[in-house]
């Protein structure tokens, strides 16, 4: 007969699979297709097969099920590598710097507006 699994999050979000097992597995692996950049890379060796992991959702000690009886499995993200952490920190730092530059430009523009209209508040943030 088998059971039905529904995946939440990750690359298989919303997909449903029927498996022949009578009991749901403790971990389900789904192969992930390589990115376009990996496909067109000039490497002669094929990229290793990558998979993503899904684990069952639990509720009161029992596997959680959807209204239609499918077992719900949630995406389990892989731990970040040191390079990924550094890239995230660099992106956050760049976003913070860009926000500070935009605020400084807005403050300067507001001071120019205040010269023309002295009745305006001293800070544009006071408008809200």
PDB file of N, CA and C in Angstrom:
ATOM      1  N   UNK A   1       0.817  -1.182   0.000  1.00  0.00           N
ATOM      2  CA  UNK A   1       0.000   0.000   0.000  1.00  0.00           C
ATOM      3  C   UNK A   1       0.864   1.250   0.000  1.00  0.00           C
ATOM      4  N   UNK A   2       1.733   1.434   0.978  1.00  0.00           N
ATOM      5  CA  UNK A   2       2.651   2.565   0.996  1.00  0.00           C
ATOM      6  C   UNK A   2       2.103   3.765   1.752  1.00  0.00           C
ATOM      7  N   UNK A   3       2.941   4.784   1.843  1.00  0.00           N
ATOM      8  CA  UNK A   3       2.567   6.034   2.509  1.00  0.00           C
ATOM      9  C   UNK A   3       2.876   7.196   1.579  1.00  0.00           C
ATOM     10  N   UNK A   4       2.276   8.334   1.879  1.00  0.00           N
ATOM     11  CA  UNK A   4       2.477   9.543   1.100  1.00  0.00           C
ATOM     12  C   UNK A   4       3.249  10.543   1.953  1.00  0.00           C
ATOM     13  N   UNK A   5       4.259  11.185   1.330  1.00  0.00           N
ATOM     14  CA  UNK A   5       5.069  12.189   2.006  1.00  0.00           C
ATOM     15  C   UNK A   5       4.858  13.527   1.317  1.00  0.00           C
ATOM     16  N   UNK A   6       4.693  14.596   2.097  1.00  0.00           N
ATOM     17  CA  UNK A   6       4.586  15.947   1.553  1.00  0.00           C
ATOM     18  C   UNK A   6       5.730  16.763   2.140  1.00  0.00           C
ATOM     19  N   UNK A   7       6.458  17.466   1.252  1.00  0.00           N
ATOM     20  CA  UNK A   7       7.652  18.195   1.667  1.00  0.00           C
ATOM     21  C   UNK A   7       7.360  19.678   1.850  1.00  0.00           C
ATOM     22  N   UNK A   8       7.936  20.243   2.914  1.00  0.00           N
ATOM     23  CA  UNK A   8       7.733  21.649   3.259  1.00  0.00           C
ATOM     24  C   UNK A   8       9.090  22.334   3.238  1.00  0.00           C
ATOM     25  N   UNK A   9       9.203  23.407   2.470  1.00  0.00           N
ATOM     26  CA  UNK A   9      10.443  24.172   2.387  1.00  0.00           C
ATOM     27  C   UNK A   9      11.441  23.522   1.455  1.00  0.00           C
ATOM     28  N   UNK A  10      12.499  24.260   1.155  1.00  0.00           N
ATOM     29  CA  UNK A  10      13.571  23.719   0.318  1.00  0.00           C
ATOM     30  C   UNK A  10      13.165  23.564  -1.137  1.00  0.00           C
ATOM     31  N   UNK A  11      13.956  22.845  -1.905  1.00  0.00           N
ATOM     32  CA  UNK A  11      13.694  22.732  -3.341  1.00  0.00           C
ATOM     33  C   UNK A  11      12.456  21.911  -3.694  1.00  0.00           C
ATOM     34  N   UNK A  12      11.995  21.054  -2.819  1.00  0.00           N
ATOM     35  CA  UNK A  12      10.826  20.216  -3.118  1.00  0.00           C
ATOM     36  C   UNK A  12       9.573  20.726  -2.416  1.00  0.00           C
ATOM     37  N   UNK A  13       9.526  21.999  -2.094  1.00  0.00           N
ATOM     38  CA  UNK A  13       8.406  22.561  -1.334  1.00  0.00           C
ATOM     39  C   UNK A  13       7.071  22.289  -2.017  1.00  0.00           C
ATOM     40  N   UNK A  14       6.146  21.700  -1.266  1.00  0.00           N
ATOM     41  CA  UNK A  14       4.807  21.434  -1.761  1.00  0.00           C
ATOM     42  C   UNK A  14       4.656  20.148  -2.563  1.00  0.00           C
ATOM     43  N   UNK A  15       5.744  19.488  -2.875  1.00  0.00           N
ATOM     44  CA  UNK A  15       5.647  18.258  -3.654  1.00  0.00           C
ATOM     45  C   UNK A  15       5.225  17.096  -2.767  1.00  0.00           C
ATOM     46  N   UNK A  16       4.518  16.161  -3.363  1.00  0.00           N
ATOM     47  CA  UNK A  16       4.040  14.984  -2.652  1.00  0.00           C
ATOM     48  C   UNK A  16       4.549  13.736  -3.372  1.00  0.00           C
ATOM     49  N   UNK A  17       5.066  12.780  -2.590  1.00  0.00           N
ATOM     50  CA  UNK A  17       5.559  11.528  -3.143  1.00  0.00           C
ATOM     51  C   UNK A  17       4.901  10.366  -2.426  1.00  0.00           C
ATOM     52  N   UNK A  18       4.586   9.332  -3.167  1.00  0.00           N
ATOM     53  CA  UNK A  18       4.091   8.088  -2.571  1.00  0.00           C
ATOM     54  C   UNK A  18       5.244   7.094  -2.587  1.00  0.00           C
ATOM     55  N   UNK A  19       5.510   6.483  -1.445  1.00  0.00           N
ATOM     56  CA  UNK A  19       6.585   5.488  -1.360  1.00  0.00           C
ATOM     57  C   UNK A  19       5.972   4.160  -0.953  1.00  0.00           C
ATOM     58  N   UNK A  20       6.586   3.044  -1.332  1.00  0.00           N
ATOM     59  CA  UNK A  20       5.986   1.736  -1.061  1.00  0.00           C
ATOM     60  C   UNK A  20       6.106   1.284   0.398  1.00  0.00           C
ATOM     61  N   UNK A  21       6.949   1.942   1.197  1.00  0.00           N
ATOM     62  CA  UNK A  21       7.117   1.525   2.592  1.00  0.00           C
ATOM     63  C   UNK A  21       5.829   1.726   3.391  1.00  0.00           C
ATOM     64  N   UNK A  22       5.646   0.899   4.390  1.00  0.00           N
ATOM     65  CA  UNK A  22       4.479   1.049   5.271  1.00  0.00           C
ATOM     66  C   UNK A  22       4.726   2.063   6.385  1.00  0.00           C
ATOM     67  N   UNK A  23       5.989   2.289   6.723  1.00  0.00           N
ATOM     68  CA  UNK A  23       6.312   3.258   7.763  1.00  0.00           C
ATOM     69  C   UNK A  23       7.129   4.380   7.141  1.00  0.00           C
ATOM     70  N   UNK A  24       6.926   5.620   7.573  1.00  0.00           N
ATOM     71  CA  UNK A  24       7.690   6.733   7.001  1.00  0.00           C
ATOM     72  C   UNK A  24       9.155   6.662   7.431  1.00  0.00           C
ATOM     73  N   UNK A  25      10.083   6.991   6.543  1.00  0.00           N
ATOM     74  CA  UNK A  25      11.507   6.928   6.883  1.00  0.00           C
ATOM     75  C   UNK A  25      11.895   8.059   7.837  1.00  0.00           C
ATOM     76  N   UNK A  26      12.958   7.869   8.637  1.00  0.00           N
ATOM     77  CA  UNK A  26      13.389   8.916   9.561  1.00  0.00           C
ATOM     78  C   UNK A  26      14.057  10.091   8.860  1.00  0.00           C
ATOM     79  N   UNK A  27      14.523   9.906   7.643  1.00  0.00           N
ATOM     80  CA  UNK A  27      15.158  10.962   6.865  1.00  0.00           C
ATOM     81  C   UNK A  27      14.951  10.626   5.399  1.00  0.00           C
ATOM     82  N   UNK A  28      14.629  11.619   4.595  1.00  0.00           N
ATOM     83  CA  UNK A  28      14.392  11.379   3.180  1.00  0.00           C
ATOM     84  C   UNK A  28      15.328  12.288   2.388  1.00  0.00           C
ATOM     85  N   UNK A  29      16.072  11.726   1.462  1.00  0.00           N
ATOM     86  CA  UNK A  29      17.013  12.478   0.643  1.00  0.00           C
ATOM     87  C   UNK A  29      16.455  12.662  -0.756  1.00  0.00           C
ATOM     88  N   UNK A  30      16.528  13.886  -1.262  1.00  0.00           N
ATOM     89  CA  UNK A  30      16.043  14.199  -2.605  1.00  0.00           C
ATOM     90  C   UNK A  30      17.211  14.747  -3.405  1.00  0.00           C
ATOM     91  N   UNK A  31      17.478  14.197  -4.604  1.00  0.00           N
ATOM     92  CA  UNK A  31      18.577  14.743  -5.412  1.00  0.00           C
ATOM     93  C   UNK A  31      18.254  16.158  -5.880  1.00  0.00           C
ATOM     94  N   UNK A  32      19.294  16.994  -5.909  1.00  0.00           N
ATOM     95  CA  UNK A  32      19.158  18.382  -6.328  1.00  0.00           C
ATOM     96  C   UNK A  32      19.848  18.547  -7.675  1.00  0.00           C
ATOM     97  N   UNK A  33      19.165  19.160  -8.604  1.00  0.00           N
ATOM     98  CA  UNK A  33      19.745  19.397  -9.930  1.00  0.00           C
ATOM     99  C   UNK A  33      20.859  20.433  -9.812  1.00  0.00           C
ATOM    100  N   UNK A  34      21.920  20.291 -10.595  1.00  0.00           N
ATOM    101  CA  UNK A  34      22.995  21.285 -10.548  1.00  0.00           C
ATOM    102  C   UNK A  34      22.523  22.611 -11.129  1.00  0.00           C
ATOM    103  N   UNK A  35      23.177  23.683 -10.712  1.00  0.00           N
ATOM    104  CA  UNK A  35      22.831  25.002 -11.235  1.00  0.00           C
ATOM    105  C   UNK A  35      23.297  25.123 -12.679  1.00  0.00           C
ATOM    106  N   UNK A  36      22.797  26.127 -13.373  1.00  0.00           N
ATOM    107  CA  UNK A  36      23.154  26.332 -14.779  1.00  0.00           C
ATOM    108  C   UNK A  36      24.650  26.608 -14.902  1.00  0.00           C
ATOM    109  N   UNK A  37      25.193  27.377 -13.950  1.00  0.00           N
ATOM    110  CA  UNK A  37      26.624  27.684 -14.023  1.00  0.00           C
ATOM    111  C   UNK A  37      27.466  26.413 -13.874  1.00  0.00           C
ATOM    112  N   UNK A  38      27.013  25.466 -13.067  1.00  0.00           N
ATOM    113  CA  UNK A  38      27.735  24.208 -12.938  1.00  0.00           C
ATOM    114  C   UNK A  38      27.638  23.375 -14.211  1.00  0.00           C
ATOM    115  N   UNK A  39      26.494  23.467 -14.895  1.00  0.00           N
ATOM    116  CA  UNK A  39      26.316  22.694 -16.121  1.00  0.00           C
ATOM    117  C   UNK A  39      27.206  23.191 -17.255  1.00  0.00           C
ATOM    118  N   UNK A  40      27.399  24.497 -17.336  1.00  0.00           N
ATOM    119  CA  UNK A  40      28.190  25.055 -18.438  1.00  0.00           C
ATOM    120  C   UNK A  40      29.655  25.242 -18.063  1.00  0.00           C
ATOM    121  N   UNK A  41      30.036  24.837 -16.868  1.00  0.00           N
ATOM    122  CA  UNK A  41      31.438  24.955 -16.457  1.00  0.00           C
ATOM    123  C   UNK A  41      32.310  24.089 -17.364  1.00  0.00           C
ATOM    124  N   UNK A  42      33.544  24.511 -17.520  1.00  0.00           N
ATOM    125  CA  UNK A  42      34.433  23.799 -18.434  1.00  0.00           C
ATOM    126  C   UNK A  42      35.116  22.601 -17.785  1.00  0.00           C
ATOM    127  N   UNK A  43      34.693  22.219 -16.624  1.00  0.00           N
ATOM    128  CA  UNK A  43      35.313  21.093 -15.938  1.00  0.00           C
ATOM    129  C   UNK A  43      35.000  19.794 -16.668  1.00  0.00           C
ATOM    130  N   UNK A  44      36.014  18.939 -16.781  1.00  0.00           N
ATOM    131  CA  UNK A  44      35.812  17.652 -17.440  1.00  0.00           C
ATOM    132  C   UNK A  44      35.182  16.632 -16.509  1.00  0.00           C
ATOM    133  N   UNK A  45      35.340  16.834 -15.216  1.00  0.00           N
ATOM    134  CA  UNK A  45      34.759  15.906 -14.253  1.00  0.00           C
ATOM    135  C   UNK A  45      33.336  16.323 -13.925  1.00  0.00           C
ATOM    136  N   UNK A  46      32.440  15.363 -13.846  1.00  0.00           N
ATOM    137  CA  UNK A  46      31.065  15.729 -13.488  1.00  0.00           C
ATOM    138  C   UNK A  46      30.999  16.159 -12.021  1.00  0.00           C
ATOM    139  N   UNK A  47      30.076  17.053 -11.755  1.00  0.00           N
ATOM    140  CA  UNK A  47      29.891  17.507 -10.376  1.00  0.00           C
ATOM    141  C   UNK A  47      29.313  16.357  -9.547  1.00  0.00           C
ATOM    142  N   UNK A  48      29.689  16.279  -8.281  1.00  0.00           N
ATOM    143  CA  UNK A  48      29.123  15.202  -7.456  1.00  0.00           C
ATOM    144  C   UNK A  48      27.619  15.391  -7.295  1.00  0.00           C
ATOM    145  N   UNK A  49      26.918  14.279  -7.190  1.00  0.00           N
ATOM    146  CA  UNK A  49      25.478  14.354  -6.993  1.00  0.00           C
ATOM    147  C   UNK A  49      25.196  14.945  -5.625  1.00  0.00           C
ATOM    148  N   UNK A  50      24.373  15.968  -5.613  1.00  0.00           N
ATOM    149  CA  UNK A  50      24.019  16.610  -4.352  1.00  0.00           C
ATOM    150  C   UNK A  50      22.600  16.209  -3.984  1.00  0.00           C
ATOM    151  N   UNK A  51      22.356  16.145  -2.707  1.00  0.00           N
ATOM    152  CA  UNK A  51      21.016  15.844  -2.222  1.00  0.00           C
ATOM    153  C   UNK A  51      20.642  16.849  -1.153  1.00  0.00           C
ATOM    154  N   UNK A  52      19.366  16.977  -0.921  1.00  0.00           N
ATOM    155  CA  UNK A  52      18.865  17.795   0.171  1.00  0.00           C
ATOM    156  C   UNK A  52      18.089  16.888   1.114  1.00  0.00           C
ATOM    157  N   UNK A  53      18.121  17.208   2.381  1.00  0.00           N
ATOM    158  CA  UNK A  53      17.531  16.326   3.393  1.00  0.00           C
ATOM    159  C   UNK A  53      16.199  16.876   3.887  1.00  0.00           C
ATOM    160  N   UNK A  54      15.283  15.943   4.125  1.00  0.00           N
ATOM    161  CA  UNK A  54      13.992  16.265   4.723  1.00  0.00           C
ATOM    162  C   UNK A  54      13.777  15.331   5.906  1.00  0.00           C
ATOM    163  N   UNK A  55      13.314  15.914   7.001  1.00  0.00           N
ATOM    164  CA  UNK A  55      13.045  15.118   8.198  1.00  0.00           C
ATOM    165  C   UNK A  55      11.585  15.283   8.588  1.00  0.00           C
ATOM    166  N   UNK A  56      11.004  14.283   9.244  1.00  0.00           N
ATOM    167  CA  UNK A  56       9.581  14.372   9.583  1.00  0.00           C
ATOM    168  C   UNK A  56       9.310  15.433  10.637  1.00  0.00           C
ATOM    169  N   UNK A  57       8.161  16.038  10.517  1.00  0.00           N
ATOM    170  CA  UNK A  57       7.691  16.953  11.557  1.00  0.00           C
ATOM    171  C   UNK A  57       6.996  16.115  12.626  1.00  0.00           C
ATOM    172  N   UNK A  58       7.222  16.457  13.883  1.00  0.00           N
ATOM    173  CA  UNK A  58       6.638  15.689  14.983  1.00  0.00           C
ATOM    174  C   UNK A  58       5.647  16.553  15.749  1.00  0.00           C
ATOM    175  N   UNK A  59       4.593  15.918  16.209  1.00  0.00           N
ATOM    176  CA  UNK A  59       3.585  16.589  17.016  1.00  0.00           C
ATOM    177  C   UNK A  59       3.150  15.634  18.122  1.00  0.00           C
ATOM    178  N   UNK A  60       3.444  15.999  19.363  1.00  0.00           N
ATOM    179  CA  UNK A  60       3.113  15.173  20.528  1.00  0.00           C
ATOM    180  C   UNK A  60       3.710  13.768  20.425  1.00  0.00           C
ATOM    181  N   UNK A  61       4.916  13.672  19.897  1.00  0.00           N
ATOM    182  CA  UNK A  61       5.600  12.390  19.805  1.00  0.00           C
ATOM    183  C   UNK A  61       5.205  11.536  18.614  1.00  0.00           C
ATOM    184  N   UNK A  62       4.322  12.025  17.771  1.00  0.00           N
ATOM    185  CA  UNK A  62       3.876  11.278  16.592  1.00  0.00           C
ATOM    186  C   UNK A  62       4.213  12.066  15.334  1.00  0.00           C
ATOM    187  N   UNK A  63       4.473  11.365  14.224  1.00  0.00           N
ATOM    188  CA  UNK A  63       4.717  12.100  12.974  1.00  0.00           C
ATOM    189  C   UNK A  63       3.480  12.919  12.591  1.00  0.00           C
ATOM    190  N   UNK A  64       3.714  14.147  12.220  1.00  0.00           N
ATOM    191  CA  UNK A  64       2.601  15.043  11.875  1.00  0.00           C
ATOM    192  C   UNK A  64       2.089  14.709  10.483  1.00  0.00           C
ATOM    193  N   UNK A  65       0.770  14.776  10.336  1.00  0.00           N
ATOM    194  CA  UNK A  65       0.145  14.442   9.058  1.00  0.00           C
ATOM    195  C   UNK A  65      -0.733  15.585   8.587  1.00  0.00           C
ATOM    196  N   UNK A  66      -0.840  15.704   7.267  1.00  0.00           N
ATOM    197  CA  UNK A  66      -1.725  16.693   6.662  1.00  0.00           C
ATOM    198  C   UNK A  66      -3.157  16.182   6.718  1.00  0.00           C
ATOM    199  N   UNK A  67      -4.101  17.018   6.337  1.00  0.00           N
ATOM    200  CA  UNK A  67      -5.511  16.630   6.358  1.00  0.00           C
ATOM    201  C   UNK A  67      -5.807  15.431   5.460  1.00  0.00           C
ATOM    202  N   UNK A  68      -5.043  15.290   4.390  1.00  0.00           N
ATOM    203  CA  UNK A  68      -5.279  14.160   3.480  1.00  0.00           C
ATOM    204  C   UNK A  68      -4.513  12.907   3.890  1.00  0.00           C
ATOM    205  N   UNK A  69      -3.827  12.936   5.032  1.00  0.00           N
ATOM    206  CA  UNK A  69      -3.122  11.766   5.540  1.00  0.00           C
ATOM    207  C   UNK A  69      -1.654  11.681   5.174  1.00  0.00           C
ATOM    208  N   UNK A  70      -1.164  12.627   4.386  1.00  0.00           N
ATOM    209  CA  UNK A  70       0.248  12.604   3.993  1.00  0.00           C
ATOM    210  C   UNK A  70       1.119  12.993   5.179  1.00  0.00           C
ATOM    211  N   UNK A  71       2.234  12.297   5.330  1.00  0.00           N
ATOM    212  CA  UNK A  71       3.197  12.656   6.375  1.00  0.00           C
ATOM    213  C   UNK A  71       3.944  13.914   5.941  1.00  0.00           C
ATOM    214  N   UNK A  72       4.116  14.856   6.861  1.00  0.00           N
ATOM    215  CA  UNK A  72       4.779  16.115   6.547  1.00  0.00           C
ATOM    216  C   UNK A  72       6.263  16.030   6.885  1.00  0.00           C
ATOM    217  N   UNK A  73       7.081  16.397   5.921  1.00  0.00           N
ATOM    218  CA  UNK A  73       8.530  16.406   6.088  1.00  0.00           C
ATOM    219  C   UNK A  73       9.048  17.819   5.851  1.00  0.00           C
ATOM    220  N   UNK A  74       9.911  18.296   6.749  1.00  0.00           N
ATOM    221  CA  UNK A  74      10.455  19.647   6.660  1.00  0.00           C
ATOM    222  C   UNK A  74      11.895  19.609   6.163  1.00  0.00           C
ATOM    223  N   UNK A  75      12.237  20.610   5.355  1.00  0.00           N
ATOM    224  CA  UNK A  75      13.586  20.706   4.812  1.00  0.00           C
ATOM    225  C   UNK A  75      14.583  20.941   5.937  1.00  0.00           C
ATOM    226  N   UNK A  76      15.671  20.205   5.910  1.00  0.00           N
ATOM    227  CA  UNK A  76      16.751  20.390   6.886  1.00  0.00           C
ATOM    228  C   UNK A  76      17.929  20.983   6.130  1.00  0.00           C
ATOM    229  N   UNK A  77      18.183  22.255   6.396  1.00  0.00           N
ATOM    230  CA  UNK A  77      19.248  22.961   5.684  1.00  0.00           C
ATOM    231  C   UNK A  77      20.614  22.452   6.112  1.00  0.00           C
ATOM    232  N   UNK A  78      21.518  22.419   5.164  1.00  0.00           N
ATOM    233  CA  UNK A  78      22.889  21.996   5.454  1.00  0.00           C
ATOM    234  C   UNK A  78      23.586  23.076   6.267  1.00  0.00           C
ATOM    235  N   UNK A  79      24.495  22.707   7.147  1.00  0.00           N
ATOM    236  CA  UNK A  79      25.218  23.721   7.915  1.00  0.00           C
ATOM    237  C   UNK A  79      26.066  24.589   6.990  1.00  0.00           C
ATOM    238  N   UNK A  80      26.224  25.844   7.361  1.00  0.00           N
ATOM    239  CA  UNK A  80      26.989  26.781   6.544  1.00  0.00           C
ATOM    240  C   UNK A  80      28.479  26.510   6.666  1.00  0.00           C
ATOM    241  N   UNK A  81      29.155  26.637   5.547  1.00  0.00           N
ATOM    242  CA  UNK A  81      30.613  26.528   5.559  1.00  0.00           C
ATOM    243  C   UNK A  81      31.196  27.877   5.972  1.00  0.00           C
ATOM    244  N   UNK A  82      32.469  27.889   6.265  1.00  0.00           N
ATOM    245  CA  UNK A  82      33.121  29.139   6.669  1.00  0.00           C
ATOM    246  C   UNK A  82      33.063  30.171   5.540  1.00  0.00           C
ATOM    247  N   UNK A  83      33.210  29.722   4.292  1.00  0.00           N
ATOM    248  CA  UNK A  83      33.138  30.640   3.152  1.00  0.00           C
ATOM    249  C   UNK A  83      31.740  31.249   3.032  1.00  0.00           C
ATOM    250  N   UNK A  84      30.696  30.416   3.265  1.00  0.00           N
ATOM    251  CA  UNK A  84      29.327  30.924   3.213  1.00  0.00           C
ATOM    252  C   UNK A  84      29.089  31.963   4.299  1.00  0.00           C
ATOM    253  N   UNK A  85      29.600  31.706   5.494  1.00  0.00           N
ATOM    254  CA  UNK A  85      29.437  32.665   6.595  1.00  0.00           C
ATOM    255  C   UNK A  85      30.136  33.983   6.288  1.00  0.00           C
ATOM    256  N   UNK A  86      31.339  33.887   5.727  1.00  0.00           N
ATOM    257  CA  UNK A  86      32.068  35.110   5.376  1.00  0.00           C
ATOM    258  C   UNK A  86      31.335  35.886   4.286  1.00  0.00           C
ATOM    259  N   UNK A  87      30.781  35.174   3.302  1.00  0.00           N
ATOM    260  CA  UNK A  87      30.028  35.836   2.231  1.00  0.00           C
ATOM    261  C   UNK A  87      28.776  36.506   2.785  1.00  0.00           C
ATOM    262  N   UNK A  88      28.081  35.846   3.707  1.00  0.00           N
ATOM    263  CA  UNK A  88      26.898  36.458   4.324  1.00  0.00           C
ATOM    264  C   UNK A  88      27.262  37.698   5.128  1.00  0.00           C
ATOM    265  N   UNK A  89      28.345  37.609   5.891  1.00  0.00           N
ATOM    266  CA  UNK A  89      28.786  38.758   6.679  1.00  0.00           C
ATOM    267  C   UNK A  89      29.186  39.913   5.771  1.00  0.00           C
ATOM    268  N   UNK A  90      29.867  39.605   4.672  1.00  0.00           N
ATOM    269  CA  UNK A  90      30.268  40.642   3.724  1.00  0.00           C
ATOM    270  C   UNK A  90      29.023  41.295   3.101  1.00  0.00           C
ATOM    271  N   UNK A  91      28.034  40.490   2.736  1.00  0.00           N
ATOM    272  CA  UNK A  91      26.798  41.030   2.150  1.00  0.00           C
ATOM    273  C   UNK A  91      26.057  41.901   3.159  1.00  0.00           C
ATOM    274  N   UNK A  92      26.013  41.463   4.417  1.00  0.00           N
ATOM    275  CA  UNK A  92      25.356  42.282   5.457  1.00  0.00           C
ATOM    276  C   UNK A  92      26.083  43.606   5.647  1.00  0.00           C
ATOM    277  N   UNK A  93      27.411  43.540   5.678  1.00  0.00           N
ATOM    278  CA  UNK A  93      28.197  44.753   5.861  1.00  0.00           C
ATOM    279  C   UNK A  93      27.983  45.718   4.691  1.00  0.00           C
ATOM    280  N   UNK A  94      27.965  45.195   3.459  1.00  0.00           N
ATOM    281  CA  UNK A  94      27.734  46.040   2.285  1.00  0.00           C
ATOM    282  C   UNK A  94      26.336  46.658   2.315  1.00  0.00           C
ATOM    283  N   UNK A  95      25.331  45.882   2.727  1.00  0.00           N
ATOM    284  CA  UNK A  95      23.962  46.410   2.814  1.00  0.00           C
ATOM    285  C   UNK A  95      23.871  47.496   3.876  1.00  0.00           C
ATOM    286  N   UNK A  96      24.537  47.280   5.012  1.00  0.00           N
ATOM    287  CA  UNK A  96      24.523  48.282   6.085  1.00  0.00           C
ATOM    288  C   UNK A  96      25.214  49.565   5.617  1.00  0.00           C
ATOM    289  N   UNK A  97      26.358  49.434   4.923  1.00  0.00           N
ATOM    290  CA  UNK A  97      27.065  50.607   4.415  1.00  0.00           C
ATOM    291  C   UNK A  97      26.229  51.355   3.384  1.00  0.00           C
ATOM    292  N   UNK A  98      25.555  50.615   2.508  1.00  0.00           N
ATOM    293  CA  UNK A  98      24.694  51.246   1.497  1.00  0.00           C
ATOM    294  C   UNK A  98      23.541  51.996   2.159  1.00  0.00           C
ATOM    295  N   UNK A  99      22.974  51.420   3.212  1.00  0.00           N
ATOM    296  CA  UNK A  99      21.888  52.093   3.938  1.00  0.00           C
ATOM    297  C   UNK A  99      22.390  53.367   4.600  1.00  0.00           C
ATOM    298  N   UNK A 100      23.576  53.320   5.171  1.00  0.00           N
ATOM    299  CA  UNK A 100      24.150  54.525   5.794  1.00  0.00           C
ATOM    300  C   UNK A 100      24.416  55.603   4.752  1.00  0.00           C
ATOM    301  N   UNK A 101      24.903  55.207   3.562  1.00  0.00           N
ATOM    302  CA  UNK A 101      25.131  56.180   2.493  1.00  0.00           C
ATOM    303  C   UNK A 101      23.815  56.809   2.040  1.00  0.00           C
ATOM    304  N   UNK A 102      22.763  55.984   1.887  1.00  0.00           N
ATOM    305  CA  UNK A 102      21.459  56.527   1.478  1.00  0.00           C
ATOM    306  C   UNK A 102      20.922  57.505   2.526  1.00  0.00           C
ATOM    307  N   UNK A 103      21.064  57.158   3.795  1.00  0.00           N
ATOM    308  CA  UNK A 103      20.594  58.057   4.854  1.00  0.00           C
ATOM    309  C   UNK A 103      21.377  59.366   4.856  1.00  0.00           C
ATOM    310  N   UNK A 104      22.684  59.291   4.647  1.00  0.00           N
ATOM    311  CA  UNK A 104      23.503  60.502   4.607  1.00  0.00           C
ATOM    312  C   UNK A 104      23.100  61.376   3.413  1.00  0.00           C
ATOM    313  N   UNK A 105      22.857  60.767   2.257  1.00  0.00           N
ATOM    314  CA  UNK A 105      22.424  61.525   1.081  1.00  0.00           C
ATOM    315  C   UNK A 105      21.053  62.162   1.318  1.00  0.00           C
ATOM    316  N   UNK A 106      20.146  61.420   1.940  1.00  0.00           N
ATOM    317  CA  UNK A 106      18.818  61.960   2.242  1.00  0.00           C
ATOM    318  C   UNK A 106      18.913  63.103   3.237  1.00  0.00           C
ATOM    319  N   UNK A 107      19.762  62.965   4.253  1.00  0.00           N
ATOM    320  CA  UNK A 107      19.945  64.049   5.222  1.00  0.00           C
ATOM    321  C   UNK A 107      20.485  65.300   4.552  1.00  0.00           C
ATOM    322  N   UNK A 108      21.457  65.128   3.656  1.00  0.00           N
ATOM    323  CA  UNK A 108      22.031  66.275   2.949  1.00  0.00           C
ATOM    324  C   UNK A 108      20.977  66.934   2.054  1.00  0.00           C
ATOM    325  N   UNK A 109      20.199  66.112   1.352  1.00  0.00           N
ATOM    326  CA  UNK A 109      19.147  66.668   0.494  1.00  0.00           C
ATOM    327  C   UNK A 109      18.103  67.400   1.333  1.00  0.00           C
ATOM    328  N   UNK A 110      17.780  66.881   2.512  1.00  0.00           N
ATOM    329  CA  UNK A 110      16.792  67.516   3.373  1.00  0.00           C
ATOM    330  C   UNK A 110      17.298  68.871   3.869  1.00  0.00           C
ATOM    331  N   UNK A 111      18.581  68.972   4.161  1.00  0.00           N
ATOM    332  CA  UNK A 111      19.132  70.260   4.596  1.00  0.00           C
ATOM    333  C   UNK A 111      19.021  71.295   3.478  1.00  0.00           C
ATOM    334  N   UNK A 112      19.193  70.846   2.239  1.00  0.00           N
ATOM    335  CA  UNK A 112      19.011  71.762   1.101  1.00  0.00           C
ATOM    336  C   UNK A 112      17.556  72.213   0.998  1.00  0.00           C
ATOM    337  N   UNK A 113      16.631  71.292   1.212  1.00  0.00           N
ATOM    338  CA  UNK A 113      15.202  71.637   1.163  1.00  0.00           C
ATOM    339  C   UNK A 113      14.860  72.621   2.272  1.00  0.00           C
ATOM    340  N   UNK A 114      15.424  72.423   3.449  1.00  0.00           N
ATOM    341  CA  UNK A 114      15.151  73.317   4.588  1.00  0.00           C
ATOM    342  C   UNK A 114      15.656  74.724   4.345  1.00  0.00           C
ATOM    343  N   UNK A 115      16.715  74.852   3.552  1.00  0.00           N
ATOM    344  CA  UNK A 115      17.210  76.199   3.237  1.00  0.00           C
ATOM    345  C   UNK A 115      16.160  76.961   2.446  1.00  0.00           C
ATOM    346  N   UNK A 116      15.463  76.242   1.544  1.00  0.00           N
ATOM    347  CA  UNK A 116      14.433  76.874   0.726  1.00  0.00           C
ATOM    348  C   UNK A 116      13.133  77.061   1.498  1.00  0.00           C
ATOM    349  N   UNK A 117      12.847  76.170   2.437  1.00  0.00           N
ATOM    350  CA  UNK A 117      11.596  76.214   3.198  1.00  0.00           C
ATOM    351  C   UNK A 117      11.914  76.079   4.685  1.00  0.00           C
ATOM    352  N   UNK A 118      12.189  77.174   5.355  1.00  0.00           N
ATOM    353  CA  UNK A 118      12.623  77.119   6.748  1.00  0.00           C
ATOM    354  C   UNK A 118      11.560  76.585   7.707  1.00  0.00           C
ATOM    355  N   UNK A 119      10.314  76.522   7.319  1.00  0.00           N
ATOM    356  CA  UNK A 119       9.264  76.038   8.213  1.00  0.00           C
ATOM    357  C   UNK A 119       9.227  74.526   8.362  1.00  0.00           C
ATOM    358  N   UNK A 120       9.971  73.845   7.545  1.00  0.00           N
ATOM    359  CA  UNK A 120       9.982  72.383   7.619  1.00  0.00           C
ATOM    360  C   UNK A 120      10.735  71.913   8.868  1.00  0.00           C
ATOM    361  N   UNK A 121      10.438  70.714   9.355  1.00  0.00           N
ATOM    362  CA  UNK A 121      11.162  70.197  10.531  1.00  0.00           C
ATOM    363  C   UNK A 121      12.667  70.073  10.240  1.00  0.00           C
ATOM    364  N   UNK A 122      13.453  70.039  11.314  1.00  0.00           N
ATOM    365  CA  UNK A 122      14.903  70.002  11.136  1.00  0.00           C
ATOM    366  C   UNK A 122      15.372  68.650  10.598  1.00  0.00           C
ATOM    367  N   UNK A 123      14.589  67.614  10.769  1.00  0.00           N
ATOM    368  CA  UNK A 123      14.984  66.288  10.303  1.00  0.00           C
ATOM    369  C   UNK A 123      13.831  65.692   9.496  1.00  0.00           C
ATOM    370  N   UNK A 124      14.113  65.101   8.350  1.00  0.00           N
ATOM    371  CA  UNK A 124      13.063  64.521   7.511  1.00  0.00           C
ATOM    372  C   UNK A 124      12.351  63.382   8.204  1.00  0.00           C
ATOM    373  N   UNK A 125      12.984  62.731   9.172  1.00  0.00           N
ATOM    374  CA  UNK A 125      12.347  61.636   9.894  1.00  0.00           C
ATOM    375  C   UNK A 125      11.200  62.140  10.774  1.00  0.00           C
ATOM    376  N   UNK A 126      11.203  63.425  11.096  1.00  0.00           N
ATOM    377  CA  UNK A 126      10.124  63.993  11.914  1.00  0.00           C
ATOM    378  C   UNK A 126       8.818  64.149  11.150  1.00  0.00           C
ATOM    379  N   UNK A 127       8.844  63.912   9.844  1.00  0.00           N
ATOM    380  CA  UNK A 127       7.619  63.992   9.052  1.00  0.00           C
ATOM    381  C   UNK A 127       6.673  62.840   9.342  1.00  0.00           C
ATOM    382  N   UNK A 128       7.208  61.735   9.823  1.00  0.00           N
ATOM    383  CA  UNK A 128       6.391  60.537   9.995  1.00  0.00           C
ATOM    384  C   UNK A 128       5.879  60.417  11.385  1.00  0.00           C
TER     385      UNK A 128
END
